[in-house]
Amino acid sequence: MKLNYYPETDSLYINLSEQPSVGSKEISEGVLLDYDANGRLVGIDINNASHKMNAWDL
């Protein structure tokens, strides 16, 4: 698992796999799940992350 925070867009990406993402599904406003070609979860993208959580807690 690898966390990447992008302050210029205020987004946090949680990378769960080295597999490339081929699709995504928004599960709540600004929270997207990324899936690989086999339907496995490979990442989580959180937009406006600083408004949803304290990144320093991670």
N, C-alpha and C. Protein backbone atom coordinates (compact mmCIF):
# COMPACT_ATOMS: atom_id res chain seq x y z
N MET A 1 0.85 -1.16 0.00
CA MET A 1 0.00 0.00 0.00
C MET A 1 0.90 1.23 0.00
N LYS A 2 0.52 2.21 -0.81
CA LYS A 2 1.29 3.44 -0.92
C LYS A 2 0.33 4.62 -0.94
N LEU A 3 0.63 5.63 -0.12
CA LEU A 3 -0.21 6.83 -0.06
C LEU A 3 0.47 7.96 -0.82
N ASN A 4 -0.29 8.67 -1.63
CA ASN A 4 0.21 9.83 -2.35
C ASN A 4 -0.77 10.97 -2.15
N TYR A 5 -0.26 12.07 -1.58
CA TYR A 5 -1.08 13.26 -1.41
C TYR A 5 -0.61 14.31 -2.40
N TYR A 6 -1.55 14.91 -3.12
CA TYR A 6 -1.26 15.92 -4.12
C TYR A 6 -1.87 17.25 -3.66
N PRO A 7 -1.06 18.13 -3.03
CA PRO A 7 -1.61 19.37 -2.48
C PRO A 7 -2.19 20.30 -3.53
N GLU A 8 -1.66 20.27 -4.76
CA GLU A 8 -2.17 21.17 -5.80
C GLU A 8 -3.61 20.86 -6.19
N THR A 9 -4.03 19.63 -5.99
CA THR A 9 -5.42 19.26 -6.29
C THR A 9 -6.17 18.82 -5.03
N ASP A 10 -5.47 18.82 -3.87
CA ASP A 10 -6.03 18.38 -2.60
C ASP A 10 -6.66 16.99 -2.72
N SER A 11 -5.89 16.09 -3.34
CA SER A 11 -6.39 14.72 -3.47
C SER A 11 -5.40 13.73 -2.87
N LEU A 12 -5.96 12.67 -2.32
CA LEU A 12 -5.17 11.59 -1.73
C LEU A 12 -5.45 10.35 -2.54
N TYR A 13 -4.38 9.68 -2.99
CA TYR A 13 -4.55 8.43 -3.71
C TYR A 13 -3.91 7.32 -2.89
N ILE A 14 -4.70 6.29 -2.62
CA ILE A 14 -4.22 5.12 -1.88
C ILE A 14 -4.04 4.01 -2.90
N ASN A 15 -2.79 3.71 -3.20
CA ASN A 15 -2.46 2.71 -4.20
C ASN A 15 -2.36 1.35 -3.52
N LEU A 16 -3.21 0.42 -3.91
CA LEU A 16 -3.27 -0.89 -3.28
C LEU A 16 -2.59 -1.98 -4.08
N SER A 17 -2.23 -1.68 -5.33
CA SER A 17 -1.68 -2.69 -6.22
C SER A 17 -0.83 -2.03 -7.29
N GLU A 18 0.06 -2.80 -7.88
CA GLU A 18 0.87 -2.32 -9.00
C GLU A 18 0.12 -2.44 -10.33
N GLN A 19 -1.03 -3.12 -10.31
CA GLN A 19 -1.81 -3.30 -11.53
C GLN A 19 -2.41 -1.97 -11.98
N PRO A 20 -2.48 -1.74 -13.29
CA PRO A 20 -3.09 -0.50 -13.77
C PRO A 20 -4.60 -0.50 -13.60
N SER A 21 -5.13 0.67 -13.39
CA SER A 21 -6.57 0.85 -13.28
C SER A 21 -7.18 0.94 -14.67
N VAL A 22 -8.30 0.24 -14.86
CA VAL A 22 -9.00 0.32 -16.15
C VAL A 22 -10.42 0.86 -15.98
N GLY A 23 -10.84 1.03 -14.74
CA GLY A 23 -12.18 1.55 -14.49
C GLY A 23 -12.30 2.04 -13.07
N SER A 24 -13.30 2.88 -12.85
CA SER A 24 -13.51 3.38 -11.50
C SER A 24 -15.00 3.55 -11.23
N LYS A 25 -15.31 3.62 -9.94
CA LYS A 25 -16.70 3.80 -9.51
C LYS A 25 -16.70 4.78 -8.35
N GLU A 26 -17.53 5.82 -8.45
CA GLU A 26 -17.66 6.79 -7.37
C GLU A 26 -18.62 6.23 -6.34
N ILE A 27 -18.13 6.04 -5.11
CA ILE A 27 -18.98 5.44 -4.07
C ILE A 27 -19.62 6.50 -3.19
N SER A 28 -19.06 7.68 -3.15
CA SER A 28 -19.66 8.84 -2.50
C SER A 28 -19.02 10.06 -3.15
N GLU A 29 -19.55 11.23 -2.89
CA GLU A 29 -19.06 12.42 -3.56
C GLU A 29 -17.56 12.60 -3.35
N GLY A 30 -16.80 12.52 -4.45
CA GLY A 30 -15.36 12.71 -4.39
C GLY A 30 -14.55 11.53 -3.93
N VAL A 31 -15.15 10.37 -3.75
CA VAL A 31 -14.41 9.16 -3.36
C VAL A 31 -14.63 8.11 -4.45
N LEU A 32 -13.52 7.77 -5.12
CA LEU A 32 -13.60 6.83 -6.24
C LEU A 32 -12.77 5.59 -5.96
N LEU A 33 -13.30 4.45 -6.35
CA LEU A 33 -12.57 3.19 -6.26
C LEU A 33 -12.10 2.83 -7.67
N ASP A 34 -10.82 2.49 -7.80
CA ASP A 34 -10.26 2.11 -9.08
C ASP A 34 -10.08 0.59 -9.13
N TYR A 35 -10.42 0.02 -10.28
CA TYR A 35 -10.37 -1.44 -10.46
C TYR A 35 -9.48 -1.81 -11.63
N ASP A 36 -8.88 -3.01 -11.56
CA ASP A 36 -8.08 -3.51 -12.67
C ASP A 36 -8.97 -4.27 -13.66
N ALA A 37 -8.37 -4.84 -14.67
CA ALA A 37 -9.11 -5.54 -15.72
C ALA A 37 -9.88 -6.75 -15.20
N ASN A 38 -9.47 -7.29 -14.05
CA ASN A 38 -10.14 -8.45 -13.46
C ASN A 38 -11.16 -8.06 -12.39
N GLY A 39 -11.40 -6.75 -12.24
CA GLY A 39 -12.38 -6.29 -11.27
C GLY A 39 -11.88 -6.18 -9.85
N ARG A 40 -10.57 -6.31 -9.66
CA ARG A 40 -9.99 -6.20 -8.31
C ARG A 40 -9.69 -4.74 -7.99
N LEU A 41 -9.91 -4.36 -6.75
CA LEU A 41 -9.65 -3.01 -6.28
C LEU A 41 -8.14 -2.76 -6.29
N VAL A 42 -7.72 -1.69 -6.98
CA VAL A 42 -6.30 -1.37 -7.05
C VAL A 42 -5.97 -0.01 -6.43
N GLY A 43 -6.99 0.82 -6.19
CA GLY A 43 -6.71 2.12 -5.60
C GLY A 43 -7.96 2.86 -5.16
N ILE A 44 -7.74 3.84 -4.31
CA ILE A 44 -8.82 4.69 -3.80
C ILE A 44 -8.39 6.13 -3.98
N ASP A 45 -9.21 6.91 -4.63
CA ASP A 45 -8.93 8.32 -4.89
C ASP A 45 -9.90 9.17 -4.07
N ILE A 46 -9.37 10.05 -3.23
CA ILE A 46 -10.19 10.89 -2.38
C ILE A 46 -9.94 12.35 -2.78
N ASN A 47 -10.93 12.97 -3.39
CA ASN A 47 -10.84 14.37 -3.78
C ASN A 47 -11.23 15.26 -2.61
N ASN A 48 -10.67 16.47 -2.57
CA ASN A 48 -10.89 17.40 -1.45
C ASN A 48 -10.56 16.72 -0.13
N ALA A 49 -9.45 16.03 -0.12
CA ALA A 49 -9.06 15.19 1.02
C ALA A 49 -8.94 15.97 2.33
N SER A 50 -8.45 17.19 2.28
CA SER A 50 -8.27 17.94 3.52
C SER A 50 -9.59 18.30 4.17
N HIS A 51 -10.67 18.27 3.41
CA HIS A 51 -11.99 18.56 3.97
C HIS A 51 -12.66 17.30 4.52
N LYS A 52 -12.16 16.14 4.13
CA LYS A 52 -12.77 14.88 4.55
C LYS A 52 -12.00 14.18 5.66
N MET A 53 -10.70 14.49 5.77
CA MET A 53 -9.89 13.80 6.75
C MET A 53 -8.63 14.61 7.02
N ASN A 54 -7.96 14.30 8.10
CA ASN A 54 -6.68 14.91 8.40
C ASN A 54 -5.60 13.97 7.88
N ALA A 55 -4.96 14.34 6.79
CA ALA A 55 -3.96 13.48 6.16
C ALA A 55 -2.80 13.17 7.09
N TRP A 56 -2.52 14.05 8.04
CA TRP A 56 -1.41 13.80 8.95
C TRP A 56 -1.72 12.64 9.90
N ASP A 57 -2.99 12.32 10.08
CA ASP A 57 -3.36 11.18 10.92
C ASP A 57 -2.96 9.86 10.28
N LEU A 58 -2.81 9.86 8.97
CA LEU A 58 -2.44 8.63 8.27
C LEU A 58 -0.97 8.35 8.47
